[in-house]
Amino acid sequence: MRAIDALGIPTGVTAVIGGGGKTTLIRVLAKELCEKDRVIIVSTAKIWPPDWVQTLYTPGEKALAAHMLSHGVACVGDTCEKGKLTLDKTPLSMLLRHAAYVLVEADGSKGLPLKAHAAFEPVIPPETRRTILVLGLDGIGRPIREAAHRPVLYAGLLHTDTAHAVSPEDAAAVIELEGYGDMVFLNKAEGDAREAAAKQIAARLTRFAAMGSLYTRGEEICLLS
């Protein structure tokens, strides 16, 4: 099963938020979507320019149109601190004129598998039709201070301290309490223990349309529903 089918990716804007695995998921989605139509990748957070697709820095509409006609996929943004990339002045309405799908990395987690959100996060564009919350299963069983971005906020939601080891029940509780996203994607389910944790988390998430767990078996992409 393809990730775009399991996650029901619609045309228009899809935002990806949460913890570790957002960039990988966007790459998988983009490569699958390119088989159907044109795709543009952007970020309302700060990301490193991807090495697998060409980045267009604040392109004019004429340059964007020409690139999309010849290549069908691009990353679009403007430079910010430390050589990273963010969506600045380019309106999504322009991007949507030249791509059927716009994938937005709308959150930062400093590479950590779990995330609690500050008041200004995530930055989800109003045009978004689907928001996927990513959780890295490699954070389960680890202390909050090691596994979570914004650990004090994460611990506060659970009424505990940052030395507390995150259980599947804890991870599900934080997702439910924060209320972000309309789908949950449980990432890095390699091995029996993580797959069991994924099932425990999924069983406690009642308000989401669907959820999946991405893992690899050789070169095969597998989904746990």
N, C-alpha and C. Protein backbone atom coordinates (compact mmCIF):
# COMPACT_ATOMS: atom_id res chain seq x y z
N MET A 1 0.84 -1.19 0.00
CA MET A 1 0.00 0.00 0.00
C MET A 1 0.88 1.25 0.00
N ARG A 2 0.50 2.22 -0.83
CA ARG A 2 1.25 3.47 -0.87
C ARG A 2 0.83 4.38 0.28
N ALA A 3 1.77 5.19 0.73
CA ALA A 3 1.49 6.12 1.82
C ALA A 3 0.39 7.10 1.45
N ILE A 4 0.37 7.58 0.20
CA ILE A 4 -0.65 8.56 -0.19
C ILE A 4 -2.05 7.96 -0.15
N ASP A 5 -2.16 6.66 -0.39
CA ASP A 5 -3.47 6.01 -0.30
C ASP A 5 -3.87 5.77 1.14
N ALA A 6 -2.92 5.29 1.95
CA ALA A 6 -3.23 5.03 3.36
C ALA A 6 -3.61 6.31 4.10
N LEU A 7 -3.00 7.42 3.72
CA LEU A 7 -3.24 8.68 4.40
C LEU A 7 -4.27 9.55 3.68
N GLY A 8 -4.76 9.09 2.54
CA GLY A 8 -5.81 9.81 1.84
C GLY A 8 -5.44 11.22 1.47
N ILE A 9 -4.27 11.40 0.85
CA ILE A 9 -3.78 12.75 0.54
C ILE A 9 -4.66 13.38 -0.55
N PRO A 10 -5.31 14.51 -0.26
CA PRO A 10 -6.14 15.18 -1.26
C PRO A 10 -5.32 16.11 -2.14
N THR A 11 -5.91 16.59 -3.21
CA THR A 11 -5.28 17.67 -3.95
C THR A 11 -5.29 18.92 -3.08
N GLY A 12 -4.42 19.87 -3.41
CA GLY A 12 -4.31 21.08 -2.61
C GLY A 12 -3.22 20.95 -1.58
N VAL A 13 -3.41 21.57 -0.42
CA VAL A 13 -2.36 21.71 0.59
C VAL A 13 -2.51 20.64 1.67
N THR A 14 -1.41 19.93 1.93
CA THR A 14 -1.31 19.00 3.05
C THR A 14 -0.19 19.47 3.97
N ALA A 15 -0.48 19.64 5.26
CA ALA A 15 0.53 20.05 6.23
C ALA A 15 0.97 18.85 7.05
N VAL A 16 2.26 18.79 7.36
CA VAL A 16 2.83 17.73 8.19
C VAL A 16 3.45 18.38 9.42
N ILE A 17 3.02 17.93 10.60
CA ILE A 17 3.45 18.56 11.85
C ILE A 17 3.91 17.47 12.83
N GLY A 18 4.40 17.91 14.01
CA GLY A 18 4.72 16.96 15.07
C GLY A 18 6.19 16.66 15.19
N GLY A 19 6.49 15.41 15.60
CA GLY A 19 7.85 15.01 15.90
C GLY A 19 8.59 14.40 14.75
N GLY A 20 9.60 13.59 15.08
CA GLY A 20 10.56 13.10 14.11
C GLY A 20 9.95 12.25 13.01
N GLY A 21 10.38 12.54 11.78
CA GLY A 21 9.92 11.79 10.63
C GLY A 21 9.17 12.62 9.61
N LYS A 22 8.98 13.93 9.89
CA LYS A 22 8.21 14.77 8.96
C LYS A 22 8.87 14.87 7.60
N THR A 23 10.18 15.14 7.58
CA THR A 23 10.88 15.31 6.31
C THR A 23 10.87 14.03 5.49
N THR A 24 11.08 12.90 6.16
CA THR A 24 11.06 11.62 5.46
C THR A 24 9.67 11.34 4.90
N LEU A 25 8.65 11.59 5.69
CA LEU A 25 7.28 11.36 5.21
C LEU A 25 6.98 12.24 4.01
N ILE A 26 7.36 13.50 4.06
CA ILE A 26 7.11 14.40 2.93
C ILE A 26 7.83 13.90 1.68
N ARG A 27 9.05 13.41 1.83
CA ARG A 27 9.78 12.88 0.67
C ARG A 27 9.04 11.68 0.08
N VAL A 28 8.57 10.77 0.92
CA VAL A 28 7.83 9.61 0.44
C VAL A 28 6.55 10.05 -0.28
N LEU A 29 5.80 10.97 0.34
CA LEU A 29 4.57 11.44 -0.27
C LEU A 29 4.83 12.13 -1.60
N ALA A 30 5.86 12.98 -1.64
CA ALA A 30 6.16 13.70 -2.88
C ALA A 30 6.51 12.76 -4.01
N LYS A 31 7.32 11.76 -3.73
CA LYS A 31 7.72 10.83 -4.78
C LYS A 31 6.53 10.03 -5.30
N GLU A 32 5.61 9.68 -4.41
CA GLU A 32 4.42 8.96 -4.85
C GLU A 32 3.47 9.88 -5.61
N LEU A 33 3.30 11.10 -5.13
CA LEU A 33 2.38 12.03 -5.77
C LEU A 33 2.87 12.47 -7.15
N CYS A 34 4.20 12.50 -7.33
CA CYS A 34 4.75 12.89 -8.63
C CYS A 34 4.30 11.95 -9.75
N GLU A 35 3.92 10.75 -9.39
CA GLU A 35 3.42 9.82 -10.39
C GLU A 35 2.03 10.19 -10.87
N LYS A 36 1.36 11.08 -10.11
CA LYS A 36 0.00 11.49 -10.45
C LYS A 36 -0.05 12.89 -11.05
N ASP A 37 0.72 13.82 -10.48
CA ASP A 37 0.62 15.21 -10.91
C ASP A 37 1.81 16.00 -10.34
N ARG A 38 1.77 17.31 -10.53
CA ARG A 38 2.87 18.17 -10.08
C ARG A 38 2.81 18.41 -8.57
N VAL A 39 4.01 18.54 -7.97
CA VAL A 39 4.12 18.64 -6.51
C VAL A 39 5.11 19.75 -6.15
N ILE A 40 4.75 20.55 -5.17
CA ILE A 40 5.65 21.56 -4.60
C ILE A 40 5.77 21.32 -3.11
N ILE A 41 7.00 21.39 -2.60
CA ILE A 41 7.28 21.23 -1.17
C ILE A 41 7.69 22.59 -0.61
N VAL A 42 7.11 22.97 0.53
CA VAL A 42 7.48 24.21 1.21
C VAL A 42 7.54 23.95 2.71
N SER A 43 7.97 24.96 3.46
CA SER A 43 7.97 24.86 4.92
C SER A 43 7.60 26.20 5.53
N THR A 44 6.67 26.18 6.47
CA THR A 44 6.37 27.38 7.26
C THR A 44 7.23 27.41 8.53
N ALA A 45 8.01 26.35 8.74
CA ALA A 45 9.02 26.33 9.80
C ALA A 45 10.38 26.61 9.13
N LYS A 46 11.43 26.01 9.63
CA LYS A 46 12.77 26.18 9.06
C LYS A 46 13.36 24.80 8.80
N ILE A 47 13.68 24.53 7.53
CA ILE A 47 14.21 23.22 7.16
C ILE A 47 15.49 23.39 6.36
N TRP A 48 16.28 22.32 6.31
CA TRP A 48 17.43 22.32 5.41
C TRP A 48 16.92 22.07 4.00
N PRO A 49 17.46 22.76 3.00
CA PRO A 49 17.05 22.49 1.63
C PRO A 49 17.24 21.01 1.30
N PRO A 50 16.24 20.35 0.74
CA PRO A 50 16.35 18.91 0.46
C PRO A 50 17.39 18.64 -0.61
N ASP A 51 18.03 17.46 -0.51
CA ASP A 51 19.07 17.11 -1.48
C ASP A 51 18.55 16.24 -2.61
N TRP A 52 17.25 15.95 -2.61
CA TRP A 52 16.69 15.04 -3.60
C TRP A 52 15.80 15.75 -4.62
N VAL A 53 15.62 17.06 -4.47
CA VAL A 53 14.79 17.82 -5.39
C VAL A 53 15.37 19.24 -5.49
N GLN A 54 15.17 19.89 -6.61
CA GLN A 54 15.72 21.23 -6.79
C GLN A 54 14.93 22.24 -5.97
N THR A 55 15.66 23.17 -5.33
CA THR A 55 15.05 24.24 -4.57
C THR A 55 15.05 25.52 -5.39
N LEU A 56 13.88 26.17 -5.46
CA LEU A 56 13.73 27.45 -6.13
C LEU A 56 13.58 28.52 -5.06
N TYR A 57 14.47 29.49 -5.06
CA TYR A 57 14.46 30.52 -4.03
C TYR A 57 13.64 31.71 -4.50
N THR A 58 12.51 31.93 -3.80
CA THR A 58 11.56 33.01 -4.11
C THR A 58 11.41 33.22 -5.62
N PRO A 59 10.97 32.21 -6.34
CA PRO A 59 10.87 32.35 -7.79
C PRO A 59 9.70 33.24 -8.18
N GLY A 60 9.85 33.95 -9.29
CA GLY A 60 8.71 34.62 -9.88
C GLY A 60 7.79 33.58 -10.50
N GLU A 61 6.59 34.02 -10.84
CA GLU A 61 5.63 33.05 -11.36
C GLU A 61 6.07 32.48 -12.70
N LYS A 62 6.69 33.28 -13.53
CA LYS A 62 7.14 32.79 -14.83
C LYS A 62 8.20 31.70 -14.66
N ALA A 63 9.16 31.93 -13.78
CA ALA A 63 10.21 30.94 -13.55
C ALA A 63 9.64 29.67 -12.93
N LEU A 64 8.70 29.82 -11.99
CA LEU A 64 8.09 28.66 -11.36
C LEU A 64 7.31 27.84 -12.39
N ALA A 65 6.56 28.53 -13.24
CA ALA A 65 5.76 27.83 -14.26
C ALA A 65 6.65 27.04 -15.20
N ALA A 66 7.76 27.63 -15.62
CA ALA A 66 8.67 26.94 -16.54
C ALA A 66 9.29 25.72 -15.87
N HIS A 67 9.70 25.88 -14.62
CA HIS A 67 10.32 24.74 -13.92
C HIS A 67 9.32 23.60 -13.74
N MET A 68 8.11 23.93 -13.33
CA MET A 68 7.12 22.89 -13.08
C MET A 68 6.72 22.17 -14.37
N LEU A 69 6.68 22.89 -15.48
CA LEU A 69 6.36 22.25 -16.76
C LEU A 69 7.43 21.24 -17.16
N SER A 70 8.68 21.55 -16.85
CA SER A 70 9.77 20.68 -17.28
C SER A 70 10.13 19.61 -16.25
N HIS A 71 9.91 19.88 -14.96
CA HIS A 71 10.35 18.95 -13.92
C HIS A 71 9.20 18.32 -13.12
N GLY A 72 8.13 19.05 -12.92
CA GLY A 72 6.97 18.51 -12.22
C GLY A 72 7.05 18.51 -10.71
N VAL A 73 8.20 18.87 -10.15
CA VAL A 73 8.36 18.90 -8.70
C VAL A 73 9.42 19.92 -8.33
N ALA A 74 9.23 20.59 -7.19
CA ALA A 74 10.21 21.57 -6.71
C ALA A 74 10.00 21.81 -5.23
N CYS A 75 11.05 22.29 -4.58
CA CYS A 75 10.95 22.84 -3.24
C CYS A 75 11.07 24.36 -3.40
N VAL A 76 10.18 25.10 -2.75
CA VAL A 76 10.15 26.56 -2.91
C VAL A 76 10.28 27.22 -1.55
N GLY A 77 11.08 28.28 -1.47
CA GLY A 77 11.22 29.01 -0.22
C GLY A 77 12.24 30.11 -0.33
N ASP A 78 12.61 30.63 0.82
CA ASP A 78 13.60 31.69 0.91
C ASP A 78 14.59 31.32 1.99
N THR A 79 15.82 31.80 1.86
CA THR A 79 16.84 31.48 2.86
C THR A 79 16.54 32.21 4.16
N CYS A 80 16.90 31.55 5.27
CA CYS A 80 16.78 32.17 6.58
C CYS A 80 18.04 31.80 7.36
N GLU A 81 17.98 31.75 8.65
CA GLU A 81 19.17 31.57 9.48
C GLU A 81 19.90 30.26 9.17
N LYS A 82 21.21 30.33 9.20
CA LYS A 82 22.11 29.17 9.06
C LYS A 82 21.91 28.41 7.75
N GLY A 83 21.45 29.10 6.71
CA GLY A 83 21.28 28.45 5.42
C GLY A 83 20.03 27.62 5.30
N LYS A 84 19.14 27.69 6.28
CA LYS A 84 17.90 26.94 6.20
C LYS A 84 16.91 27.64 5.28
N LEU A 85 15.77 27.01 5.12
CA LEU A 85 14.78 27.44 4.14
C LEU A 85 13.44 27.61 4.82
N THR A 86 12.68 28.64 4.43
CA THR A 86 11.33 28.82 4.93
C THR A 86 10.49 29.48 3.85
N LEU A 87 9.18 29.30 3.94
CA LEU A 87 8.27 29.97 3.02
C LEU A 87 8.10 31.39 3.52
N ASP A 88 8.46 32.36 2.67
CA ASP A 88 8.43 33.75 3.11
C ASP A 88 7.33 34.53 2.38
N LYS A 89 7.67 35.07 1.22
CA LYS A 89 6.74 35.98 0.53
C LYS A 89 5.97 35.32 -0.61
N THR A 90 6.31 34.08 -0.93
CA THR A 90 5.62 33.42 -2.04
C THR A 90 4.25 32.94 -1.57
N PRO A 91 3.16 33.44 -2.16
CA PRO A 91 1.83 33.03 -1.69
C PRO A 91 1.49 31.61 -2.13
N LEU A 92 0.80 30.89 -1.27
CA LEU A 92 0.39 29.54 -1.62
C LEU A 92 -0.56 29.54 -2.82
N SER A 93 -1.33 30.61 -2.97
CA SER A 93 -2.24 30.68 -4.12
C SER A 93 -1.49 30.60 -5.43
N MET A 94 -0.29 31.19 -5.50
CA MET A 94 0.52 31.09 -6.71
C MET A 94 1.03 29.67 -6.90
N LEU A 95 1.49 29.05 -5.82
CA LEU A 95 1.99 27.69 -5.93
C LEU A 95 0.90 26.74 -6.41
N LEU A 96 -0.32 26.94 -5.92
CA LEU A 96 -1.42 26.05 -6.29
C LEU A 96 -1.84 26.21 -7.75
N ARG A 97 -1.45 27.30 -8.36
CA ARG A 97 -1.72 27.44 -9.81
C ARG A 97 -0.81 26.56 -10.65
N HIS A 98 0.29 26.09 -10.04
CA HIS A 98 1.28 25.35 -10.82
C HIS A 98 1.54 23.95 -10.28
N ALA A 99 0.80 23.54 -9.27
CA ALA A 99 0.95 22.19 -8.71
C ALA A 99 -0.39 21.72 -8.17
N ALA A 100 -0.69 20.45 -8.40
CA ALA A 100 -1.92 19.89 -7.85
C ALA A 100 -1.78 19.63 -6.36
N TYR A 101 -0.53 19.43 -5.90
CA TYR A 101 -0.27 19.10 -4.50
C TYR A 101 0.81 20.02 -3.95
N VAL A 102 0.54 20.61 -2.79
CA VAL A 102 1.55 21.38 -2.06
C VAL A 102 1.70 20.73 -0.68
N LEU A 103 2.91 20.27 -0.40
CA LEU A 103 3.22 19.62 0.88
C LEU A 103 3.98 20.59 1.77
N VAL A 104 3.47 20.83 2.96
CA VAL A 104 4.04 21.84 3.85
C VAL A 104 4.59 21.19 5.11
N GLU A 105 5.88 21.37 5.35
CA GLU A 105 6.42 21.00 6.66
C GLU A 105 6.15 22.19 7.57
N ALA A 106 5.16 22.04 8.46
CA ALA A 106 4.59 23.17 9.18
C ALA A 106 4.97 23.20 10.65
N ASP A 107 6.08 22.55 10.99
CA ASP A 107 6.44 22.41 12.40
C ASP A 107 7.93 22.08 12.48
N GLY A 108 8.53 22.36 13.61
CA GLY A 108 9.90 21.97 13.86
C GLY A 108 9.99 21.12 15.12
N SER A 109 10.95 20.20 15.15
CA SER A 109 11.11 19.38 16.36
C SER A 109 12.57 19.11 16.68
N LYS A 110 13.49 19.77 15.97
CA LYS A 110 14.92 19.59 16.17
C LYS A 110 15.34 18.13 16.06
N GLY A 111 14.62 17.38 15.22
CA GLY A 111 14.96 15.99 14.99
C GLY A 111 14.52 15.03 16.07
N LEU A 112 13.83 15.54 17.09
CA LEU A 112 13.39 14.68 18.19
C LEU A 112 12.06 14.00 17.84
N PRO A 113 11.83 12.81 18.37
CA PRO A 113 10.65 12.04 17.95
C PRO A 113 9.32 12.55 18.48
N LEU A 114 9.33 13.26 19.60
CA LEU A 114 8.10 13.73 20.22
C LEU A 114 8.10 15.25 20.27
N LYS A 115 6.89 15.84 20.36
CA LYS A 115 6.81 17.29 20.32
C LYS A 115 5.62 17.78 21.13
N ALA A 116 5.86 18.80 21.96
CA ALA A 116 4.79 19.60 22.55
C ALA A 116 4.86 20.97 21.90
N HIS A 117 3.72 21.60 21.71
CA HIS A 117 3.68 22.82 20.91
C HIS A 117 3.55 24.08 21.77
N ALA A 118 4.37 25.05 21.43
CA ALA A 118 4.24 26.38 22.02
C ALA A 118 3.02 27.06 21.41
N ALA A 119 2.66 28.21 21.97
CA ALA A 119 1.44 28.89 21.53
C ALA A 119 1.48 29.29 20.06
N PHE A 120 2.67 29.53 19.53
CA PHE A 120 2.79 29.98 18.14
C PHE A 120 2.97 28.83 17.16
N GLU A 121 2.87 27.61 17.63
CA GLU A 121 3.08 26.43 16.79
C GLU A 121 1.81 25.57 16.77
N PRO A 122 1.67 24.71 15.76
CA PRO A 122 2.36 24.72 14.46
C PRO A 122 1.83 25.85 13.58
N VAL A 123 2.51 26.10 12.46
CA VAL A 123 2.10 27.16 11.55
C VAL A 123 1.43 26.50 10.34
N ILE A 124 0.13 26.25 10.49
CA ILE A 124 -0.63 25.54 9.46
C ILE A 124 -1.32 26.56 8.56
N PRO A 125 -1.04 26.56 7.26
CA PRO A 125 -1.68 27.53 6.37
C PRO A 125 -3.19 27.36 6.35
N PRO A 126 -3.95 28.46 6.20
CA PRO A 126 -5.41 28.35 6.18
C PRO A 126 -5.94 27.55 4.99
N GLU A 127 -5.15 27.42 3.94
CA GLU A 127 -5.58 26.66 2.76
C GLU A 127 -5.49 25.14 2.96
N THR A 128 -4.96 24.71 4.09
CA THR A 128 -4.68 23.29 4.31
C THR A 128 -5.96 22.45 4.32
N ARG A 129 -5.91 21.34 3.59
CA ARG A 129 -7.04 20.41 3.53
C ARG A 129 -6.82 19.16 4.38
N ARG A 130 -5.57 18.85 4.67
CA ARG A 130 -5.26 17.70 5.52
C ARG A 130 -4.03 18.03 6.36
N THR A 131 -4.10 17.70 7.65
CA THR A 131 -2.96 17.91 8.55
C THR A 131 -2.60 16.57 9.18
N ILE A 132 -1.36 16.15 8.97
CA ILE A 132 -0.88 14.86 9.47
C ILE A 132 0.09 15.12 10.62
N LEU A 133 -0.22 14.57 11.77
CA LEU A 133 0.64 14.68 12.95
C LEU A 133 1.54 13.45 13.02
N VAL A 134 2.85 13.67 13.03
CA VAL A 134 3.83 12.59 13.05
C VAL A 134 4.35 12.38 14.47
N LEU A 135 4.44 11.12 14.86
CA LEU A 135 5.04 10.76 16.14
C LEU A 135 6.09 9.68 15.89
N GLY A 136 7.30 9.89 16.40
CA GLY A 136 8.37 8.92 16.26
C GLY A 136 8.33 7.91 17.39
N LEU A 137 8.11 6.66 17.05
CA LEU A 137 8.00 5.61 18.08
C LEU A 137 9.31 5.34 18.81
N ASP A 138 10.42 5.85 18.29
CA ASP A 138 11.69 5.71 19.00
C ASP A 138 11.74 6.59 20.24
N GLY A 139 10.72 7.43 20.45
CA GLY A 139 10.66 8.22 21.68
C GLY A 139 10.00 7.50 22.84
N ILE A 140 9.30 6.41 22.54
CA ILE A 140 8.60 5.67 23.60
C ILE A 140 9.62 4.95 24.47
N GLY A 141 9.44 5.06 25.79
CA GLY A 141 10.34 4.43 26.75
C GLY A 141 11.52 5.30 27.15
N ARG A 142 11.69 6.44 26.52
CA ARG A 142 12.80 7.34 26.85
C ARG A 142 12.32 8.48 27.74
N PRO A 143 13.21 9.08 28.53
CA PRO A 143 12.81 10.24 29.34
C PRO A 143 12.36 11.39 28.45
N ILE A 144 11.38 12.13 28.92
CA ILE A 144 10.86 13.28 28.17
C ILE A 144 11.99 14.23 27.78
N ARG A 145 12.92 14.48 28.70
CA ARG A 145 13.98 15.45 28.43
C ARG A 145 14.88 15.03 27.27
N GLU A 146 14.92 13.74 26.95
CA GLU A 146 15.73 13.24 25.83
C GLU A 146 14.93 13.10 24.54
N ALA A 147 13.63 12.84 24.66
CA ALA A 147 12.85 12.44 23.49
C ALA A 147 11.95 13.52 22.93
N ALA A 148 11.66 14.55 23.71
CA ALA A 148 10.65 15.52 23.29
C ALA A 148 11.24 16.91 23.04
N HIS A 149 10.80 17.52 21.96
CA HIS A 149 11.08 18.94 21.75
C HIS A 149 10.10 19.73 22.62
N ARG A 150 10.60 20.74 23.31
CA ARG A 150 9.87 21.49 24.33
C ARG A 150 9.47 20.55 25.48
N PRO A 151 10.48 19.96 26.13
CA PRO A 151 10.21 18.93 27.15
C PRO A 151 9.42 19.43 28.35
N VAL A 152 9.64 20.67 28.75
CA VAL A 152 8.90 21.19 29.91
C VAL A 152 7.41 21.26 29.59
N LEU A 153 7.08 21.70 28.39
CA LEU A 153 5.67 21.74 27.98
C LEU A 153 5.09 20.32 27.91
N TYR A 154 5.87 19.40 27.37
CA TYR A 154 5.42 18.01 27.24
C TYR A 154 5.14 17.41 28.62
N ALA A 155 6.08 17.62 29.55
CA ALA A 155 5.90 17.10 30.91
C ALA A 155 4.71 17.75 31.60
N GLY A 156 4.53 19.05 31.35
CA GLY A 156 3.41 19.75 31.97
C GLY A 156 2.06 19.20 31.55
N LEU A 157 1.95 18.82 30.30
CA LEU A 157 0.69 18.24 29.83
C LEU A 157 0.37 16.94 30.56
N LEU A 158 1.42 16.22 30.97
CA LEU A 158 1.24 14.94 31.66
C LEU A 158 1.30 15.06 33.18
N HIS A 159 1.49 16.30 33.68
CA HIS A 159 1.59 16.55 35.12
C HIS A 159 2.70 15.71 35.75
N THR A 160 3.85 15.73 35.09
CA THR A 160 5.00 14.98 35.58
C THR A 160 6.26 15.82 35.36
N ASP A 161 7.42 15.21 35.48
CA ASP A 161 8.67 15.94 35.26
C ASP A 161 9.37 15.39 34.03
N THR A 162 10.43 16.07 33.63
CA THR A 162 11.09 15.71 32.38
C THR A 162 11.93 14.44 32.47
N ALA A 163 12.08 13.89 33.66
CA ALA A 163 12.79 12.61 33.82
C ALA A 163 11.86 11.42 33.56
N HIS A 164 10.58 11.69 33.48
CA HIS A 164 9.58 10.63 33.30
C HIS A 164 9.76 9.95 31.94
N ALA A 165 9.73 8.63 31.91
CA ALA A 165 9.84 7.86 30.66
C ALA A 165 8.47 7.81 29.98
N VAL A 166 8.44 8.13 28.71
CA VAL A 166 7.19 8.24 27.98
C VAL A 166 6.63 6.85 27.65
N SER A 167 5.40 6.61 28.05
CA SER A 167 4.71 5.36 27.71
C SER A 167 3.83 5.58 26.49
N PRO A 168 3.36 4.52 25.87
CA PRO A 168 2.39 4.70 24.77
C PRO A 168 1.16 5.48 25.21
N GLU A 169 0.71 5.23 26.44
CA GLU A 169 -0.45 5.96 26.96
C GLU A 169 -0.15 7.45 27.09
N ASP A 170 1.07 7.79 27.53
CA ASP A 170 1.47 9.19 27.62
C ASP A 170 1.45 9.86 26.26
N ALA A 171 2.04 9.20 25.28
CA ALA A 171 2.12 9.77 23.94
C ALA A 171 0.73 10.03 23.37
N ALA A 172 -0.17 9.08 23.56
CA ALA A 172 -1.54 9.25 23.08
C ALA A 172 -2.22 10.39 23.82
N ALA A 173 -1.98 10.51 25.14
CA ALA A 173 -2.61 11.57 25.93
C ALA A 173 -2.19 12.95 25.44
N VAL A 174 -0.91 13.13 25.14
CA VAL A 174 -0.43 14.42 24.66
C VAL A 174 -1.08 14.78 23.32
N ILE A 175 -1.16 13.81 22.43
CA ILE A 175 -1.80 14.06 21.13
C ILE A 175 -3.25 14.48 21.33
N GLU A 176 -3.97 13.78 22.19
CA GLU A 176 -5.38 14.10 22.43
C GLU A 176 -5.52 15.46 23.10
N LEU A 177 -4.67 15.76 24.08
CA LEU A 177 -4.77 17.03 24.80
C LEU A 177 -4.49 18.22 23.90
N GLU A 178 -3.50 18.09 23.03
CA GLU A 178 -3.17 19.22 22.16
C GLU A 178 -4.19 19.40 21.04
N GLY A 179 -4.69 18.30 20.50
CA GLY A 179 -5.77 18.39 19.53
C GLY A 179 -5.39 18.83 18.13
N TYR A 180 -4.12 18.74 17.77
CA TYR A 180 -3.70 19.16 16.44
C TYR A 180 -3.82 18.01 15.44
N GLY A 181 -4.10 18.37 14.21
CA GLY A 181 -4.11 17.40 13.14
C GLY A 181 -5.43 16.67 13.00
N ASP A 182 -5.66 16.14 11.78
CA ASP A 182 -6.84 15.31 11.58
C ASP A 182 -6.45 13.86 11.26
N MET A 183 -5.14 13.59 11.20
CA MET A 183 -4.64 12.23 11.05
C MET A 183 -3.36 12.11 11.86
N VAL A 184 -3.07 10.91 12.31
CA VAL A 184 -1.83 10.65 13.05
C VAL A 184 -1.02 9.62 12.29
N PHE A 185 0.28 9.89 12.19
CA PHE A 185 1.19 8.97 11.50
C PHE A 185 2.25 8.52 12.48
N LEU A 186 2.23 7.24 12.81
CA LEU A 186 3.17 6.68 13.79
C LEU A 186 4.38 6.13 13.04
N ASN A 187 5.51 6.76 13.26
CA ASN A 187 6.69 6.53 12.44
C ASN A 187 7.70 5.62 13.16
N LYS A 188 8.51 4.92 12.37
CA LYS A 188 9.62 4.11 12.88
C LYS A 188 9.12 2.92 13.71
N ALA A 189 8.28 2.11 13.11
CA ALA A 189 7.70 0.96 13.83
C ALA A 189 8.49 -0.31 13.64
N GLU A 190 9.81 -0.19 13.40
CA GLU A 190 10.62 -1.39 13.23
C GLU A 190 10.68 -2.19 14.53
N GLY A 191 10.45 -3.49 14.43
CA GLY A 191 10.59 -4.36 15.59
C GLY A 191 9.28 -4.56 16.34
N ASP A 192 9.21 -5.66 17.05
CA ASP A 192 7.98 -6.04 17.73
C ASP A 192 7.58 -5.03 18.81
N ALA A 193 8.55 -4.52 19.56
CA ALA A 193 8.23 -3.62 20.67
C ALA A 193 7.61 -2.33 20.17
N ARG A 194 8.20 -1.75 19.11
CA ARG A 194 7.65 -0.51 18.59
C ARG A 194 6.31 -0.74 17.90
N GLU A 195 6.17 -1.87 17.25
CA GLU A 195 4.88 -2.16 16.61
C GLU A 195 3.80 -2.31 17.68
N ALA A 196 4.14 -2.94 18.80
CA ALA A 196 3.18 -3.07 19.90
C ALA A 196 2.83 -1.70 20.47
N ALA A 197 3.83 -0.82 20.59
CA ALA A 197 3.57 0.54 21.08
C ALA A 197 2.65 1.29 20.14
N ALA A 198 2.87 1.12 18.83
CA ALA A 198 2.01 1.77 17.84
C ALA A 198 0.56 1.35 18.03
N LYS A 199 0.33 0.07 18.24
CA LYS A 199 -1.03 -0.44 18.41
C LYS A 199 -1.65 0.11 19.70
N GLN A 200 -0.83 0.23 20.76
CA GLN A 200 -1.36 0.78 22.02
C GLN A 200 -1.74 2.25 21.86
N ILE A 201 -0.91 3.01 21.15
CA ILE A 201 -1.22 4.42 20.92
C ILE A 201 -2.47 4.54 20.06
N ALA A 202 -2.52 3.78 18.98
CA ALA A 202 -3.66 3.85 18.07
C ALA A 202 -4.96 3.53 18.78
N ALA A 203 -4.93 2.58 19.70
CA ALA A 203 -6.15 2.18 20.40
C ALA A 203 -6.69 3.29 21.29
N ARG A 204 -5.84 4.23 21.67
CA ARG A 204 -6.26 5.31 22.57
C ARG A 204 -6.59 6.60 21.83
N LEU A 205 -6.41 6.63 20.54
CA LEU A 205 -6.72 7.82 19.75
C LEU A 205 -8.09 7.62 19.10
N THR A 206 -9.05 8.36 19.59
CA THR A 206 -10.42 8.12 19.14
C THR A 206 -10.96 9.17 18.18
N ARG A 207 -10.30 10.33 18.08
CA ARG A 207 -10.92 11.41 17.31
C ARG A 207 -10.34 11.58 15.91
N PHE A 208 -9.40 10.72 15.52
CA PHE A 208 -8.73 10.91 14.25
C PHE A 208 -9.34 10.05 13.15
N ALA A 209 -9.29 10.58 11.92
CA ALA A 209 -9.90 9.90 10.79
C ALA A 209 -9.18 8.60 10.47
N ALA A 210 -7.86 8.60 10.59
CA ALA A 210 -7.08 7.40 10.25
C ALA A 210 -5.70 7.55 10.84
N MET A 211 -4.96 6.47 10.86
CA MET A 211 -3.59 6.54 11.32
C MET A 211 -2.79 5.43 10.66
N GLY A 212 -1.52 5.63 10.54
CA GLY A 212 -0.68 4.62 9.94
C GLY A 212 0.68 4.63 10.59
N SER A 213 1.42 3.59 10.39
CA SER A 213 2.78 3.50 10.90
C SER A 213 3.69 3.12 9.75
N LEU A 214 4.64 3.99 9.46
CA LEU A 214 5.56 3.77 8.37
C LEU A 214 6.82 3.10 8.88
N TYR A 215 7.21 2.03 8.23
CA TYR A 215 8.49 1.41 8.54
C TYR A 215 9.00 0.75 7.28
N THR A 216 10.22 0.31 7.29
CA THR A 216 10.82 -0.26 6.09
C THR A 216 11.19 -1.70 6.32
N ARG A 217 11.01 -2.46 5.25
CA ARG A 217 11.46 -3.85 5.23
C ARG A 217 12.28 -4.00 3.96
N GLY A 218 13.59 -3.83 4.11
CA GLY A 218 14.42 -3.69 2.92
C GLY A 218 14.08 -2.38 2.24
N GLU A 219 13.68 -2.44 0.97
CA GLU A 219 13.28 -1.23 0.25
C GLU A 219 11.78 -1.05 0.22
N GLU A 220 11.06 -1.95 0.87
CA GLU A 220 9.60 -1.89 0.85
C GLU A 220 9.09 -0.96 1.94
N ILE A 221 8.13 -0.10 1.60
CA ILE A 221 7.48 0.75 2.56
C ILE A 221 6.23 0.05 3.04
N CYS A 222 6.12 -0.15 4.35
CA CYS A 222 5.00 -0.88 4.93
C CYS A 222 4.18 0.05 5.81
N LEU A 223 2.90 -0.23 5.92
CA LEU A 223 2.00 0.59 6.74
C LEU A 223 1.23 -0.29 7.70
N LEU A 224 1.24 0.09 8.95
CA LEU A 224 0.45 -0.59 9.97
C LEU A 224 -0.80 0.23 10.20
N SER A 225 -1.96 -0.35 9.96
CA SER A 225 -3.21 0.41 10.12
C SER A 225 -3.87 0.06 11.44
